[in-house]
Amino acid sequence: MKLHHLKPPPGSKKQRVRVGRGEGGRRGKTAGRGTKGAKARGSMPKWFEGGQMPIYRRMPKLRGFKRPNKEYFAVVNVGRLNAFRKGSTVGPDELRAKGLVKKRGRIKVLGEGDLEKELTVRAHAFSVGAVERIQAAGGKVEVIE
């Protein structure tokens, strides 16, 4: 037996049916698709819903939510307070004058960095770490209402 003697088993290779090749043949004219309708005319996207408003347009546009009463804070870290003189009182006006806070409104002091001076710090909110660092340096914390 040689390579050119090999053949596929009978029945394993079938010729493709060529449809729509004239009215004389068995699969002519409508080519086995019946008459009219979307399936007779061609393909359509999988998400097509027959012309009704598709689900991706019926659903509301979920683009997040904004709390109407959210409090916004301008943030200052404890390490930046070393720019002030020892024993001075640091409040919102002083922070804005030095350029440490640009936004208007409420101020929150966070505990990043080390404080080396004794200061009285006045702000609207403090983190726990900030209070610990300010008091460890011998300073005072005053919450503005």
C-alpha atoms as a PDB file:
ATOM      1  CA  MET A   1       0.000   0.000   0.000  1.00  0.00           C
ATOM      2  CA  LYS A   2       1.261   3.409  -0.932  1.00  0.00           C
ATOM      3  CA  LEU A   3       0.226   6.927  -0.075  1.00  0.00           C
ATOM      4  CA  HIS A   4      -1.628   7.443  -3.342  1.00  0.00           C
ATOM      5  CA  HIS A   5      -3.791   4.393  -2.619  1.00  0.00           C
ATOM      6  CA  LEU A   6      -5.351   5.986   0.497  1.00  0.00           C
ATOM      7  CA  LYS A   7      -8.995   7.126   0.267  1.00  0.00           C
ATOM      8  CA  PRO A   8     -11.429   8.478   2.836  1.00  0.00           C
ATOM      9  CA  PRO A   9     -14.066   5.944   3.949  1.00  0.00           C
ATOM     10  CA  PRO A  10     -17.255   6.003   1.882  1.00  0.00           C
ATOM     11  CA  GLY A  11     -19.865   8.481   3.141  1.00  0.00           C
ATOM     12  CA  SER A  12     -17.395  10.650   5.101  1.00  0.00           C
ATOM     13  CA  LYS A  13     -16.978  13.258   2.345  1.00  0.00           C
ATOM     14  CA  LYS A  14     -20.220  14.856   1.174  1.00  0.00           C
ATOM     15  CA  GLN A  15     -20.525  17.640  -1.339  1.00  0.00           C
ATOM     16  CA  ARG A  16     -22.029  20.882  -0.111  1.00  0.00           C
ATOM     17  CA  VAL A  17     -25.579  21.554  -1.310  1.00  0.00           C
ATOM     18  CA  ARG A  18     -25.536  24.587  -3.601  1.00  0.00           C
ATOM     19  CA  VAL A  19     -28.817  26.352  -2.987  1.00  0.00           C
ATOM     20  CA  GLY A  20     -30.535  29.110  -4.961  1.00  0.00           C
ATOM     21  CA  ARG A  21     -29.254  28.123  -8.413  1.00  0.00           C
ATOM     22  CA  GLY A  22     -32.407  28.514 -10.507  1.00  0.00           C
ATOM     23  CA  GLU A  23     -36.012  27.388 -10.242  1.00  0.00           C
ATOM     24  CA  GLY A  24     -35.441  24.073 -11.949  1.00  0.00           C
ATOM     25  CA  GLY A  25     -33.497  22.485  -9.100  1.00  0.00           C
ATOM     26  CA  ARG A  26     -34.770  21.145  -5.795  1.00  0.00           C
ATOM     27  CA  ARG A  27     -33.317  24.033  -3.763  1.00  0.00           C
ATOM     28  CA  GLY A  28     -34.007  26.862  -6.223  1.00  0.00           C
ATOM     29  CA  LYS A  29     -35.935  30.131  -5.854  1.00  0.00           C
ATOM     30  CA  THR A  30     -36.301  30.567  -2.046  1.00  0.00           C
ATOM     31  CA  ALA A  31     -33.405  28.161  -1.365  1.00  0.00           C
ATOM     32  CA  GLY A  32     -35.119  26.283   1.466  1.00  0.00           C
ATOM     33  CA  ARG A  33     -35.868  29.426   3.502  1.00  0.00           C
ATOM     34  CA  GLY A  34     -39.628  29.522   3.024  1.00  0.00           C
ATOM     35  CA  THR A  35     -41.314  32.759   2.005  1.00  0.00           C
ATOM     36  CA  LYS A  36     -40.800  36.227   3.439  1.00  0.00           C
ATOM     37  CA  GLY A  37     -39.884  37.148   7.005  1.00  0.00           C
ATOM     38  CA  ALA A  38     -36.617  38.093   8.645  1.00  0.00           C
ATOM     39  CA  LYS A  39     -35.162  34.578   8.474  1.00  0.00           C
ATOM     40  CA  ALA A  40     -35.697  34.469   4.710  1.00  0.00           C
ATOM     41  CA  ARG A  41     -33.905  37.761   4.128  1.00  0.00           C
ATOM     42  CA  GLY A  42     -30.549  37.541   5.879  1.00  0.00           C
ATOM     43  CA  SER A  43     -28.807  37.733   9.212  1.00  0.00           C
ATOM     44  CA  MET A  44     -29.543  40.110  12.060  1.00  0.00           C
ATOM     45  CA  PRO A  45     -27.659  40.904  15.265  1.00  0.00           C
ATOM     46  CA  LYS A  46     -28.102  38.573  18.226  1.00  0.00           C
ATOM     47  CA  TRP A  47     -29.488  41.405  20.366  1.00  0.00           C
ATOM     48  CA  PHE A  48     -32.207  42.360  17.874  1.00  0.00           C
ATOM     49  CA  GLU A  49     -35.631  42.119  19.521  1.00  0.00           C
ATOM     50  CA  GLY A  50     -37.966  42.296  16.562  1.00  0.00           C
ATOM     51  CA  GLY A  51     -38.214  46.059  16.424  1.00  0.00           C
ATOM     52  CA  GLN A  52     -39.336  46.678  19.992  1.00  0.00           C
ATOM     53  CA  MET A  53     -37.254  48.992  22.134  1.00  0.00           C
ATOM     54  CA  PRO A  54     -34.144  46.920  22.963  1.00  0.00           C
ATOM     55  CA  ILE A  55     -33.258  46.152  26.563  1.00  0.00           C
ATOM     56  CA  TYR A  56     -30.067  48.196  26.483  1.00  0.00           C
ATOM     57  CA  ARG A  57     -32.190  51.272  25.661  1.00  0.00           C
ATOM     58  CA  ARG A  58     -35.039  50.408  28.035  1.00  0.00           C
ATOM     59  CA  MET A  59     -32.703  50.218  31.013  1.00  0.00           C
ATOM     60  CA  PRO A  60     -31.907  53.441  32.856  1.00  0.00           C
ATOM     61  CA  LYS A  61     -28.453  54.858  32.363  1.00  0.00           C
ATOM     62  CA  LEU A  62     -26.645  53.982  35.576  1.00  0.00           C
ATOM     63  CA  ARG A  63     -24.000  56.647  35.843  1.00  0.00           C
ATOM     64  CA  GLY A  64     -23.429  56.750  39.565  1.00  0.00           C
ATOM     65  CA  PHE A  65     -24.957  58.814  42.325  1.00  0.00           C
ATOM     66  CA  LYS A  66     -24.012  62.109  43.926  1.00  0.00           C
ATOM     67  CA  ARG A  67     -24.931  62.719  47.531  1.00  0.00           C
ATOM     68  CA  PRO A  68     -26.604  66.113  47.742  1.00  0.00           C
ATOM     69  CA  ASN A  69     -25.378  66.759  51.319  1.00  0.00           C
ATOM     70  CA  LYS A  70     -21.797  65.523  50.921  1.00  0.00           C
ATOM     71  CA  GLU A  71     -19.259  67.459  52.983  1.00  0.00           C
ATOM     72  CA  TYR A  72     -16.130  68.518  51.118  1.00  0.00           C
ATOM     73  CA  PHE A  73     -12.920  69.164  53.060  1.00  0.00           C
ATOM     74  CA  ALA A  74      -9.705  70.849  52.074  1.00  0.00           C
ATOM     75  CA  VAL A  75      -6.970  68.566  53.431  1.00  0.00           C
ATOM     76  CA  VAL A  76      -3.754  69.544  55.248  1.00  0.00           C
ATOM     77  CA  ASN A  77      -1.209  67.076  56.597  1.00  0.00           C
ATOM     78  CA  VAL A  78       0.424  67.566  60.002  1.00  0.00           C
ATOM     79  CA  GLY A  79       3.911  67.648  58.455  1.00  0.00           C
ATOM     80  CA  ARG A  80       3.041  70.837  56.538  1.00  0.00           C
ATOM     81  CA  LEU A  81       2.274  72.693  59.802  1.00  0.00           C
ATOM     82  CA  ASN A  82       6.024  72.993  60.546  1.00  0.00           C
ATOM     83  CA  ALA A  83       5.931  76.138  58.379  1.00  0.00           C
ATOM     84  CA  PHE A  84       4.396  78.081  61.308  1.00  0.00           C
ATOM     85  CA  ARG A  85       6.193  79.623  64.312  1.00  0.00           C
ATOM     86  CA  LYS A  86       6.368  77.726  67.587  1.00  0.00           C
ATOM     87  CA  GLY A  87       3.479  78.535  69.953  1.00  0.00           C
ATOM     88  CA  SER A  88       1.313  80.200  67.318  1.00  0.00           C
ATOM     89  CA  THR A  89      -2.347  79.485  66.631  1.00  0.00           C
ATOM     90  CA  VAL A  90      -3.021  77.969  63.232  1.00  0.00           C
ATOM     91  CA  GLY A  91      -6.536  78.390  61.814  1.00  0.00           C
ATOM     92  CA  PRO A  92      -8.188  78.407  58.383  1.00  0.00           C
ATOM     93  CA  ASP A  93      -7.160  81.996  57.651  1.00  0.00           C
ATOM     94  CA  GLU A  94      -3.492  81.336  58.465  1.00  0.00           C
ATOM     95  CA  LEU A  95      -3.484  78.160  56.337  1.00  0.00           C
ATOM     96  CA  ARG A  96      -4.910  80.047  53.362  1.00  0.00           C
ATOM     97  CA  ALA A  97      -2.437  82.924  53.831  1.00  0.00           C
ATOM     98  CA  LYS A  98       0.505  80.447  53.673  1.00  0.00           C
ATOM     99  CA  GLY A  99      -1.028  78.743  50.595  1.00  0.00           C
ATOM    100  CA  LEU A 100      -1.423  75.349  52.283  1.00  0.00           C
ATOM    101  CA  VAL A 101      -5.173  75.371  51.542  1.00  0.00           C
ATOM    102  CA  LYS A 102      -6.523  76.651  48.254  1.00  0.00           C
ATOM    103  CA  LYS A 103     -10.215  75.710  48.478  1.00  0.00           C
ATOM    104  CA  ARG A 104     -12.699  77.699  50.472  1.00  0.00           C
ATOM    105  CA  GLY A 105     -14.820  75.862  52.996  1.00  0.00           C
ATOM    106  CA  ARG A 106     -14.099  73.319  55.691  1.00  0.00           C
ATOM    107  CA  ILE A 107     -10.605  72.069  56.586  1.00  0.00           C
ATOM    108  CA  LYS A 108      -9.501  68.650  57.798  1.00  0.00           C
ATOM    109  CA  VAL A 109      -6.074  67.919  59.284  1.00  0.00           C
ATOM    110  CA  LEU A 110      -4.610  64.477  58.531  1.00  0.00           C
ATOM    111  CA  GLY A 111      -1.758  62.709  60.344  1.00  0.00           C
ATOM    112  CA  GLU A 112       0.816  62.349  57.553  1.00  0.00           C
ATOM    113  CA  GLY A 113       4.300  63.559  58.530  1.00  0.00           C
ATOM    114  CA  ASP A 114       5.861  64.652  61.842  1.00  0.00           C
ATOM    115  CA  LEU A 115       5.188  67.834  63.770  1.00  0.00           C
ATOM    116  CA  GLU A 116       8.227  69.329  65.538  1.00  0.00           C
ATOM    117  CA  LYS A 117       6.625  72.452  67.019  1.00  0.00           C
ATOM    118  CA  GLU A 118       4.112  73.209  69.729  1.00  0.00           C
ATOM    119  CA  LEU A 119       1.059  74.666  67.944  1.00  0.00           C
ATOM    120  CA  THR A 120      -2.603  75.310  68.654  1.00  0.00           C
ATOM    121  CA  VAL A 121      -4.397  74.002  65.571  1.00  0.00           C
ATOM    122  CA  ARG A 122      -7.965  75.067  64.773  1.00  0.00           C
ATOM    123  CA  ALA A 123      -9.828  73.177  62.031  1.00  0.00           C
ATOM    124  CA  HIS A 124     -13.246  71.717  61.240  1.00  0.00           C
ATOM    125  CA  ALA A 125     -12.124  68.063  61.467  1.00  0.00           C
ATOM    126  CA  PHE A 126      -9.093  66.020  62.544  1.00  0.00           C
ATOM    127  CA  SER A 127      -8.045  62.445  61.937  1.00  0.00           C
ATOM    128  CA  VAL A 128      -7.121  60.351  64.985  1.00  0.00           C
ATOM    129  CA  GLY A 129      -3.472  60.237  63.896  1.00  0.00           C
ATOM    130  CA  ALA A 130      -3.344  64.009  63.508  1.00  0.00           C
ATOM    131  CA  VAL A 131      -4.679  64.590  67.034  1.00  0.00           C
ATOM    132  CA  GLU A 132      -2.090  62.167  68.468  1.00  0.00           C
ATOM    133  CA  ARG A 133       0.811  63.843  66.620  1.00  0.00           C
ATOM    134  CA  ILE A 134      -0.223  67.391  67.541  1.00  0.00           C
ATOM    135  CA  GLN A 135      -0.645  66.483  71.222  1.00  0.00           C
ATOM    136  CA  ALA A 136       2.627  64.504  71.236  1.00  0.00           C
ATOM    137  CA  ALA A 137       4.432  67.687  70.114  1.00  0.00           C
ATOM    138  CA  GLY A 138       2.808  69.544  73.037  1.00  0.00           C
ATOM    139  CA  GLY A 139       0.174  71.350  70.985  1.00  0.00           C
ATOM    140  CA  LYS A 140      -3.592  71.724  71.315  1.00  0.00           C
ATOM    141  CA  VAL A 141      -6.450  70.766  69.016  1.00  0.00           C
ATOM    142  CA  GLU A 142      -9.537  72.980  68.655  1.00  0.00           C
ATOM    143  CA  VAL A 143     -12.513  71.838  66.570  1.00  0.00           C
ATOM    144  CA  ILE A 144     -14.388  74.645  64.789  1.00  0.00           C
ATOM    145  CA  GLU A 145     -18.137  74.083  64.589  1.00  0.00           C
END
